[in-house]
Protein backbone atom coordinates (compact mmCIF):
# COMPACT_ATOMS: atom_id res chain seq x y z
CA MET A 1 11.80 15.43 12.66
CA PRO A 2 12.35 12.77 9.81
CA THR A 3 15.87 12.22 8.67
CA ASP A 4 17.27 10.51 5.70
CA SER A 5 20.46 8.35 4.90
CA THR A 6 22.03 11.69 3.43
CA ASN A 7 21.80 13.64 6.78
CA GLY A 8 23.52 11.05 8.51
CA PRO A 9 22.29 8.60 11.48
CA PRO A 10 19.13 9.65 13.48
CA GLY A 11 19.79 11.43 16.89
CA PRO A 12 18.91 9.52 20.19
CA ASP A 13 15.50 10.97 20.34
CA ALA A 14 14.44 9.68 17.11
CA THR A 15 11.28 7.57 16.66
CA PRO A 16 11.43 3.95 15.27
CA ASN A 17 10.11 5.03 12.02
CA GLU A 18 12.83 7.81 11.66
CA ARG A 19 15.16 4.90 12.70
CA GLN A 20 13.67 2.71 9.88
CA ASN A 21 13.57 5.59 7.27
CA THR A 22 17.14 6.04 7.58
CA ARG A 23 18.38 2.68 6.16
CA SER A 24 20.49 3.18 2.97
CA VAL A 25 19.52 1.29 -0.07
CA SER A 26 22.35 -0.98 -0.02
CA GLN A 27 21.00 -1.85 3.56
CA ASP A 28 17.56 -2.61 2.51
CA PRO A 29 17.43 -6.18 1.23
CA SER A 30 14.20 -5.20 -1.01
CA ALA A 31 16.29 -2.92 -2.94
CA GLU A 32 17.92 -5.94 -5.04
CA ARG A 33 14.67 -6.04 -6.48
CA ALA A 34 13.16 -3.40 -8.93
CA THR A 35 9.49 -3.06 -9.23
CA ALA A 36 7.66 -3.67 -12.49
CA PRO A 37 5.08 -0.71 -13.68
CA ASP A 38 2.45 -3.21 -12.57
CA GLY A 39 3.82 -3.83 -9.15
CA ILE A 40 5.38 -7.18 -9.34
CA ALA A 41 8.72 -7.05 -7.74
CA GLY A 42 11.65 -8.56 -9.72
CA THR A 43 13.97 -7.27 -12.58
CA ASP A 44 13.18 -10.95 -14.04
CA SER A 45 9.33 -10.40 -14.09
CA GLY A 46 9.62 -10.33 -17.99
CA GLU A 47 11.88 -13.44 -18.55
CA SER A 48 9.65 -15.44 -15.81
CA ARG A 49 6.52 -14.39 -17.39
CA VAL A 50 7.65 -15.63 -20.82
CA LEU A 51 8.59 -18.96 -19.29
CA PHE A 52 5.34 -19.15 -17.42
CA ALA A 53 3.53 -18.42 -20.69
CA VAL A 54 5.23 -21.18 -22.60
CA GLY A 55 4.34 -23.57 -19.54
CA ALA A 56 0.78 -22.33 -19.71
CA TRP A 57 0.76 -23.22 -23.52
CA LEU A 58 2.40 -26.47 -23.08
CA THR A 59 -0.10 -27.40 -20.64
CA GLY A 60 -2.86 -26.62 -22.70
CA LEU A 61 -1.40 -28.34 -25.52
CA GLY A 62 -0.93 -31.39 -23.61
CA VAL A 63 -4.35 -31.46 -22.46
CA ALA A 64 -5.49 -31.27 -25.95
CA ALA A 65 -3.06 -34.01 -26.88
CA GLY A 66 -4.50 -36.39 -24.24
CA ALA A 67 -8.09 -35.61 -25.36
CA PHE A 68 -6.76 -36.34 -29.20
CA GLY A 69 -5.16 -39.44 -28.14
CA ALA A 70 -8.35 -40.56 -26.12
CA HIS A 71 -10.94 -39.61 -28.48
CA ALA A 72 -9.69 -39.40 -32.29
CA LEU A 73 -6.95 -42.16 -31.81
CA GLY A 74 -8.55 -44.69 -29.13
CA GLY A 75 -9.92 -47.23 -31.60
CA ARG A 76 -7.71 -46.70 -34.49
CA LEU A 77 -4.39 -47.51 -32.97
CA PRO A 78 -2.85 -50.78 -31.62
CA PRO A 79 -2.80 -50.81 -27.82
CA ASP A 80 1.07 -50.58 -27.73
CA LEU A 81 1.10 -47.04 -29.99
CA LEU A 82 -2.16 -45.69 -27.98
CA ALA A 83 -0.05 -46.39 -24.95
CA THR A 84 2.87 -44.59 -26.22
CA PHE A 85 0.86 -41.72 -27.37
CA GLU A 86 -0.61 -41.74 -23.68
CA THR A 87 2.90 -41.90 -22.15
CA GLY A 88 3.98 -39.02 -24.50
CA ALA A 89 0.58 -36.66 -23.13
CA ARG A 90 0.95 -37.71 -19.70
CA TYR A 91 4.79 -36.46 -19.57
CA HIS A 92 3.79 -33.52 -21.58
CA VAL A 93 1.31 -32.25 -19.12
CA THR A 94 3.07 -33.03 -15.87
CA GLN A 95 6.25 -31.62 -17.00
CA SER A 96 4.56 -28.32 -18.61
CA MET A 97 2.93 -27.83 -14.97
CA GLY A 98 6.43 -28.23 -13.55
CA ILE A 99 7.63 -25.35 -16.00
CA LEU A 100 5.23 -23.13 -14.29
CA LEU A 101 6.46 -24.01 -10.84
CA LEU A 102 9.97 -23.44 -12.09
CA ALA A 103 8.83 -19.79 -13.52
CA LEU A 104 7.12 -18.73 -10.05
CA ALA A 105 9.95 -19.78 -8.22
CA GLY A 106 12.56 -18.13 -10.63
CA ALA A 107 10.32 -15.07 -10.21
CA ARG A 108 10.11 -15.24 -6.51
CA TRP A 109 13.74 -16.10 -5.84
CA HIS A 110 15.03 -13.77 -8.66
CA SER A 111 17.03 -16.86 -9.95
CA PRO A 112 18.08 -16.74 -13.41
CA ALA A 113 19.37 -20.52 -13.05
CA LEU A 114 15.87 -21.52 -11.84
CA ARG A 115 14.72 -19.91 -15.06
CA ALA A 116 17.24 -21.93 -17.14
CA ALA A 117 16.39 -25.05 -15.30
CA GLY A 118 12.82 -24.07 -16.47
CA TRP A 119 13.88 -23.73 -20.14
CA LEU A 120 15.79 -27.32 -19.91
CA VAL A 121 12.33 -28.87 -18.88
CA ALA A 122 10.41 -26.97 -21.68
CA LEU A 123 12.93 -28.32 -24.25
CA GLY A 124 12.95 -31.70 -22.54
CA THR A 125 9.21 -31.58 -22.69
CA VAL A 126 8.83 -30.69 -26.39
CA VAL A 127 11.77 -33.31 -27.45
CA PHE A 128 10.63 -35.97 -25.38
CA ALA A 129 6.61 -35.79 -25.73
CA GLY A 130 6.94 -34.55 -29.36
CA SER A 131 9.18 -37.47 -30.55
CA LEU A 132 6.79 -39.96 -29.30
CA TYR A 133 3.54 -37.78 -30.67
CA LEU A 134 5.63 -38.15 -33.92
CA LEU A 135 6.57 -41.83 -33.81
CA VAL A 136 2.89 -42.74 -33.12
CA LEU A 137 1.13 -40.53 -35.79
CA SER A 138 3.91 -41.09 -38.55
CA GLY A 139 4.57 -44.91 -38.08
CA VAL A 140 8.56 -43.94 -38.30
CA ARG A 141 9.71 -46.20 -35.40
CA SER A 142 13.46 -44.70 -35.75
CA LEU A 143 11.87 -41.34 -33.99
CA GLY A 144 11.99 -43.30 -30.83
CA ALA A 145 15.77 -42.98 -30.76
CA ILE A 146 15.14 -39.00 -30.18
CA THR A 147 13.19 -39.70 -27.07
CA PRO A 148 15.93 -40.38 -24.57
CA ILE A 149 17.43 -36.87 -25.70
CA GLY A 150 14.38 -35.33 -24.35
CA GLY A 151 14.32 -37.54 -21.06
CA VAL A 152 18.26 -36.54 -20.36
CA LEU A 153 16.98 -32.64 -20.95
CA LEU A 154 14.21 -33.17 -18.49
CA ILE A 155 16.34 -35.19 -15.92
CA ALA A 156 19.18 -32.20 -16.31
CA GLY A 157 16.41 -29.50 -15.93
CA TRP A 158 15.39 -31.07 -12.61
CA LEU A 159 18.67 -31.99 -11.17
CA ALA A 160 19.63 -28.38 -12.00
CA ALA A 161 16.77 -26.90 -10.34
CA GLY A 162 17.41 -28.84 -7.05
CA PHE A 163 21.21 -27.87 -6.93
CA VAL A 164 20.08 -24.37 -7.63
CA VAL A 165 17.84 -24.68 -4.52
CA LEU A 166 20.18 -25.98 -2.36
CA ARG A 167 23.04 -24.16 -3.09
CA ASN A 168 21.00 -20.97 -2.22
CA VAL A 169 19.11 -22.06 0.76
CA HIS A 170 21.33 -20.59 3.04
CA THR A 171 22.40 -17.41 1.59
CA ARG A 172 20.51 -14.79 -0.24
CA TRP A 173 17.22 -16.84 -0.23
CA ALA A 174 17.47 -17.07 3.63
CA ARG A 175 16.06 -13.37 4.07
């Protein structure tokens, strides 16, 4: 006869399934996660999805920027400015793909801190690559002073992600 946690512990003749079914919600490791209507586990699925979408859009824009630089700007810019634009596009794409990974990790491990690191990387990507694009396209060299701010945001985001993972490696993620 099946029992539940409200009827007390199962008797000595209970089957393994009956014993397993008597775990209270607080003992069930999956009880910390809610399931979204589409079956994706995690109370944070909406936040992670938004971060993932931003990462996907930024990746697509980075690919477009790279193609624009190669095909539209290739013969029209001095080599130093073309190299600057290519640096922006390279960082744009690689960091945007990293945002996708941070969104997935944040959803998998239910970590708001990893998602926050993802937002730092997203902001850093926009500031770093965007300032390089603007510098090249506008000719205003002083915009290069903004680029290190983006770099600092990128570094902060990736360092934060590493610390979050290490901090939690032996705690709640070990299950």
